[in-house]
Amino acid sequence: MLREGAGRCRLVNRTRGIVLAETVETAFDSRTRRTGLLGRDALAADAVLAIAPSNAVHTIGMRFPIDVLFITRAGRVTKRVLQLRPVRIAASLSAFAVLEFAAGHPAVAATAVGDEVAVETTGPI
């Protein structure tokens, strides 16, 4: 789905025809999955952090709340968590990846369990 050198990408909800994020950051190796959003003061409103493989996240040590979508390998939403505050844990055992957004993201709030999300290439890097 995403790999180094793939170009600029955005995340869309294909079921509802809405853009979830114009910037896709990835955490696909052990170090970046462990770090996630720790140490940051915020996440841009038009960005998403995609963590894979992962079916759980925590906000212990985080400085801000996040919205979270758990998705299958095929891109189906298995769970949505809005306003996950610091010092909390969320999981979906059937998920393959976790998508983290700035809290209060209207497109995430409009996304439902069962929706299909996908990455679209928007141009070269």
C-alpha atoms as a PDB file:
ATOM      1  CA  MET A   1       0.000   0.000   0.000  1.00  0.00           C
ATOM      2  CA  LEU A   2       2.691   2.477   1.016  1.00  0.00           C
ATOM      3  CA  ARG A   3       6.391   2.142   0.481  1.00  0.00           C
ATOM      4  CA  GLU A   4       9.401   4.380   0.326  1.00  0.00           C
ATOM      5  CA  GLY A   5       9.608   6.268  -2.947  1.00  0.00           C
ATOM      6  CA  ALA A   6       5.920   5.724  -3.741  1.00  0.00           C
ATOM      7  CA  GLY A   7       5.299   9.459  -4.193  1.00  0.00           C
ATOM      8  CA  ARG A   8       2.924  11.883  -2.500  1.00  0.00           C
ATOM      9  CA  CYS A   9      -0.157  10.199  -1.098  1.00  0.00           C
ATOM     10  CA  ARG A  10      -3.468  11.038   0.511  1.00  0.00           C
ATOM     11  CA  LEU A  11      -5.895   8.906   2.487  1.00  0.00           C
ATOM     12  CA  VAL A  12      -9.516   8.710   1.366  1.00  0.00           C
ATOM     13  CA  ASN A  13     -12.716   7.112   2.597  1.00  0.00           C
ATOM     14  CA  ARG A  14     -13.928   5.456  -0.616  1.00  0.00           C
ATOM     15  CA  THR A  15     -17.286   4.512   0.857  1.00  0.00           C
ATOM     16  CA  ARG A  16     -18.241   8.110   1.607  1.00  0.00           C
ATOM     17  CA  GLY A  17     -16.088   9.881  -0.996  1.00  0.00           C
ATOM     18  CA  ILE A  18     -14.223  12.069   1.500  1.00  0.00           C
ATOM     19  CA  VAL A  19     -10.555  12.883   2.001  1.00  0.00           C
ATOM     20  CA  LEU A  20      -9.285  11.858   5.428  1.00  0.00           C
ATOM     21  CA  ALA A  21      -5.743  13.228   5.092  1.00  0.00           C
ATOM     22  CA  GLU A  22      -3.628  15.022   2.494  1.00  0.00           C
ATOM     23  CA  THR A  23      -0.379  13.909   4.173  1.00  0.00           C
ATOM     24  CA  VAL A  24       0.348  10.287   5.083  1.00  0.00           C
ATOM     25  CA  GLU A  25       3.155   9.556   7.535  1.00  0.00           C
ATOM     26  CA  THR A  26       4.134   5.932   8.094  1.00  0.00           C
ATOM     27  CA  ALA A  27       5.378   3.893  11.023  1.00  0.00           C
ATOM     28  CA  PHE A  28       6.124   0.482   9.554  1.00  0.00           C
ATOM     29  CA  ASP A  29       9.306  -0.545  11.383  1.00  0.00           C
ATOM     30  CA  SER A  30       9.753  -1.384  15.056  1.00  0.00           C
ATOM     31  CA  ARG A  31      11.371   1.917  16.032  1.00  0.00           C
ATOM     32  CA  THR A  32       8.826   4.189  14.376  1.00  0.00           C
ATOM     33  CA  ARG A  33       5.884   2.081  15.624  1.00  0.00           C
ATOM     34  CA  ARG A  34       7.192   2.383  19.205  1.00  0.00           C
ATOM     35  CA  THR A  35       7.712   6.149  18.888  1.00  0.00           C
ATOM     36  CA  GLY A  36       4.495   7.012  17.047  1.00  0.00           C
ATOM     37  CA  LEU A  37       3.387  10.521  18.045  1.00  0.00           C
ATOM     38  CA  LEU A  38       5.333  10.602  21.317  1.00  0.00           C
ATOM     39  CA  GLY A  39       7.358  13.768  21.768  1.00  0.00           C
ATOM     40  CA  ARG A  40       5.133  15.848  19.507  1.00  0.00           C
ATOM     41  CA  ASP A  41       2.945  18.740  20.611  1.00  0.00           C
ATOM     42  CA  ALA A  42       0.394  18.190  17.835  1.00  0.00           C
ATOM     43  CA  LEU A  43      -0.399  16.447  14.564  1.00  0.00           C
ATOM     44  CA  ALA A  44      -1.343  18.573  11.562  1.00  0.00           C
ATOM     45  CA  ALA A  45      -5.087  18.657  10.874  1.00  0.00           C
ATOM     46  CA  ASP A  46      -4.588  17.315   7.336  1.00  0.00           C
ATOM     47  CA  ALA A  47      -2.192  14.500   8.325  1.00  0.00           C
ATOM     48  CA  VAL A  48      -2.465  10.872   9.401  1.00  0.00           C
ATOM     49  CA  LEU A  49       0.071   8.546  11.004  1.00  0.00           C
ATOM     50  CA  ALA A  50      -0.376   5.011   9.632  1.00  0.00           C
ATOM     51  CA  ILE A  51       1.004   2.334  11.981  1.00  0.00           C
ATOM     52  CA  ALA A  52       1.307  -1.233  10.681  1.00  0.00           C
ATOM     53  CA  PRO A  53       1.253  -3.943  11.642  1.00  0.00           C
ATOM     54  CA  SER A  54      -0.641  -2.941  14.763  1.00  0.00           C
ATOM     55  CA  ASN A  55      -4.011  -3.611  16.330  1.00  0.00           C
ATOM     56  CA  ALA A  56      -3.611  -1.483  19.467  1.00  0.00           C
ATOM     57  CA  VAL A  57      -2.346   1.948  20.501  1.00  0.00           C
ATOM     58  CA  HIS A  58      -1.702   3.802  23.726  1.00  0.00           C
ATOM     59  CA  THR A  59      -1.483   7.485  24.498  1.00  0.00           C
ATOM     60  CA  ILE A  60       0.706   7.148  27.582  1.00  0.00           C
ATOM     61  CA  GLY A  61       3.177  10.020  27.486  1.00  0.00           C
ATOM     62  CA  MET A  62       1.308  11.866  24.736  1.00  0.00           C
ATOM     63  CA  ARG A  63       0.547  15.583  25.028  1.00  0.00           C
ATOM     64  CA  PHE A  64      -2.705  15.720  23.052  1.00  0.00           C
ATOM     65  CA  PRO A  65      -5.786  13.600  22.244  1.00  0.00           C
ATOM     66  CA  ILE A  66      -6.182  11.800  18.915  1.00  0.00           C
ATOM     67  CA  ASP A  67      -8.872  10.255  16.730  1.00  0.00           C
ATOM     68  CA  VAL A  68      -8.144   6.657  15.715  1.00  0.00           C
ATOM     69  CA  LEU A  69      -9.320   4.311  12.974  1.00  0.00           C
ATOM     70  CA  PHE A  70      -8.450   0.623  13.115  1.00  0.00           C
ATOM     71  CA  ILE A  71      -8.440  -1.063   9.702  1.00  0.00           C
ATOM     72  CA  THR A  72      -8.017  -4.511   8.187  1.00  0.00           C
ATOM     73  CA  ARG A  73      -5.355  -5.363   5.641  1.00  0.00           C
ATOM     74  CA  ALA A  74      -8.016  -4.778   2.951  1.00  0.00           C
ATOM     75  CA  GLY A  75      -8.746  -1.264   4.284  1.00  0.00           C
ATOM     76  CA  ARG A  76     -12.062  -1.903   6.068  1.00  0.00           C
ATOM     77  CA  VAL A  77     -12.644   0.055   9.262  1.00  0.00           C
ATOM     78  CA  THR A  78     -13.096  -2.288  12.237  1.00  0.00           C
ATOM     79  CA  LYS A  79     -13.303   0.345  14.983  1.00  0.00           C
ATOM     80  CA  ARG A  80     -13.356   4.129  15.394  1.00  0.00           C
ATOM     81  CA  VAL A  81     -12.256   5.935  18.563  1.00  0.00           C
ATOM     82  CA  LEU A  82     -12.818   9.673  18.812  1.00  0.00           C
ATOM     83  CA  GLN A  83     -10.990  11.972  21.255  1.00  0.00           C
ATOM     84  CA  LEU A  84      -8.664   9.297  22.715  1.00  0.00           C
ATOM     85  CA  ARG A  85      -7.099  11.280  25.541  1.00  0.00           C
ATOM     86  CA  PRO A  86      -3.590  10.863  26.955  1.00  0.00           C
ATOM     87  CA  VAL A  87      -2.987   7.864  29.241  1.00  0.00           C
ATOM     88  CA  ARG A  88      -5.512   5.634  27.460  1.00  0.00           C
ATOM     89  CA  ILE A  89      -5.367   2.395  25.449  1.00  0.00           C
ATOM     90  CA  ALA A  90      -7.497   1.332  22.472  1.00  0.00           C
ATOM     91  CA  ALA A  91      -7.468  -1.892  20.461  1.00  0.00           C
ATOM     92  CA  SER A  92      -9.267  -3.884  17.786  1.00  0.00           C
ATOM     93  CA  LEU A  93      -8.146  -7.490  17.608  1.00  0.00           C
ATOM     94  CA  SER A  94      -9.298  -7.856  13.992  1.00  0.00           C
ATOM     95  CA  ALA A  95      -7.287  -4.836  12.780  1.00  0.00           C
ATOM     96  CA  PHE A  96      -4.036  -4.939  10.821  1.00  0.00           C
ATOM     97  CA  ALA A  97      -3.217  -1.231  11.004  1.00  0.00           C
ATOM     98  CA  VAL A  98      -3.994   1.863  13.041  1.00  0.00           C
ATOM     99  CA  LEU A  99      -4.572   5.339  11.619  1.00  0.00           C
ATOM    100  CA  GLU A 100      -3.997   8.251  14.020  1.00  0.00           C
ATOM    101  CA  PHE A 101      -5.417  11.727  13.350  1.00  0.00           C
ATOM    102  CA  ALA A 102      -5.618  15.038  15.198  1.00  0.00           C
ATOM    103  CA  ALA A 103      -8.593  14.911  17.576  1.00  0.00           C
ATOM    104  CA  GLY A 104     -11.792  16.468  16.315  1.00  0.00           C
ATOM    105  CA  HIS A 105     -11.170  15.565  12.679  1.00  0.00           C
ATOM    106  CA  PRO A 106     -14.596  15.901  10.947  1.00  0.00           C
ATOM    107  CA  ALA A 107     -13.848  13.307   8.235  1.00  0.00           C
ATOM    108  CA  VAL A 108     -12.907  10.731  10.871  1.00  0.00           C
ATOM    109  CA  ALA A 109     -16.155  11.478  12.724  1.00  0.00           C
ATOM    110  CA  ALA A 110     -18.026  10.863   9.441  1.00  0.00           C
ATOM    111  CA  THR A 111     -16.287   7.494   8.934  1.00  0.00           C
ATOM    112  CA  ALA A 112     -18.110   4.389  10.160  1.00  0.00           C
ATOM    113  CA  VAL A 113     -17.202   0.792  10.910  1.00  0.00           C
ATOM    114  CA  GLY A 114     -17.271  -1.109   7.626  1.00  0.00           C
ATOM    115  CA  ASP A 115     -16.203   1.847   5.460  1.00  0.00           C
ATOM    116  CA  GLU A 116     -13.336   1.263   3.026  1.00  0.00           C
ATOM    117  CA  VAL A 117     -10.305   3.551   3.267  1.00  0.00           C
ATOM    118  CA  ALA A 118      -7.457   3.641   0.767  1.00  0.00           C
ATOM    119  CA  VAL A 119      -4.272   5.482  -0.094  1.00  0.00           C
ATOM    120  CA  GLU A 120      -4.218   7.363  -3.383  1.00  0.00           C
ATOM    121  CA  THR A 121      -1.049   8.616  -5.044  1.00  0.00           C
ATOM    122  CA  THR A 122      -1.311  12.334  -5.789  1.00  0.00           C
ATOM    123  CA  GLY A 123       2.029  12.865  -7.553  1.00  0.00           C
ATOM    124  CA  PRO A 124       5.792  12.377  -7.351  1.00  0.00           C
ATOM    125  CA  ILE A 125       7.695  13.214  -4.184  1.00  0.00           C
END
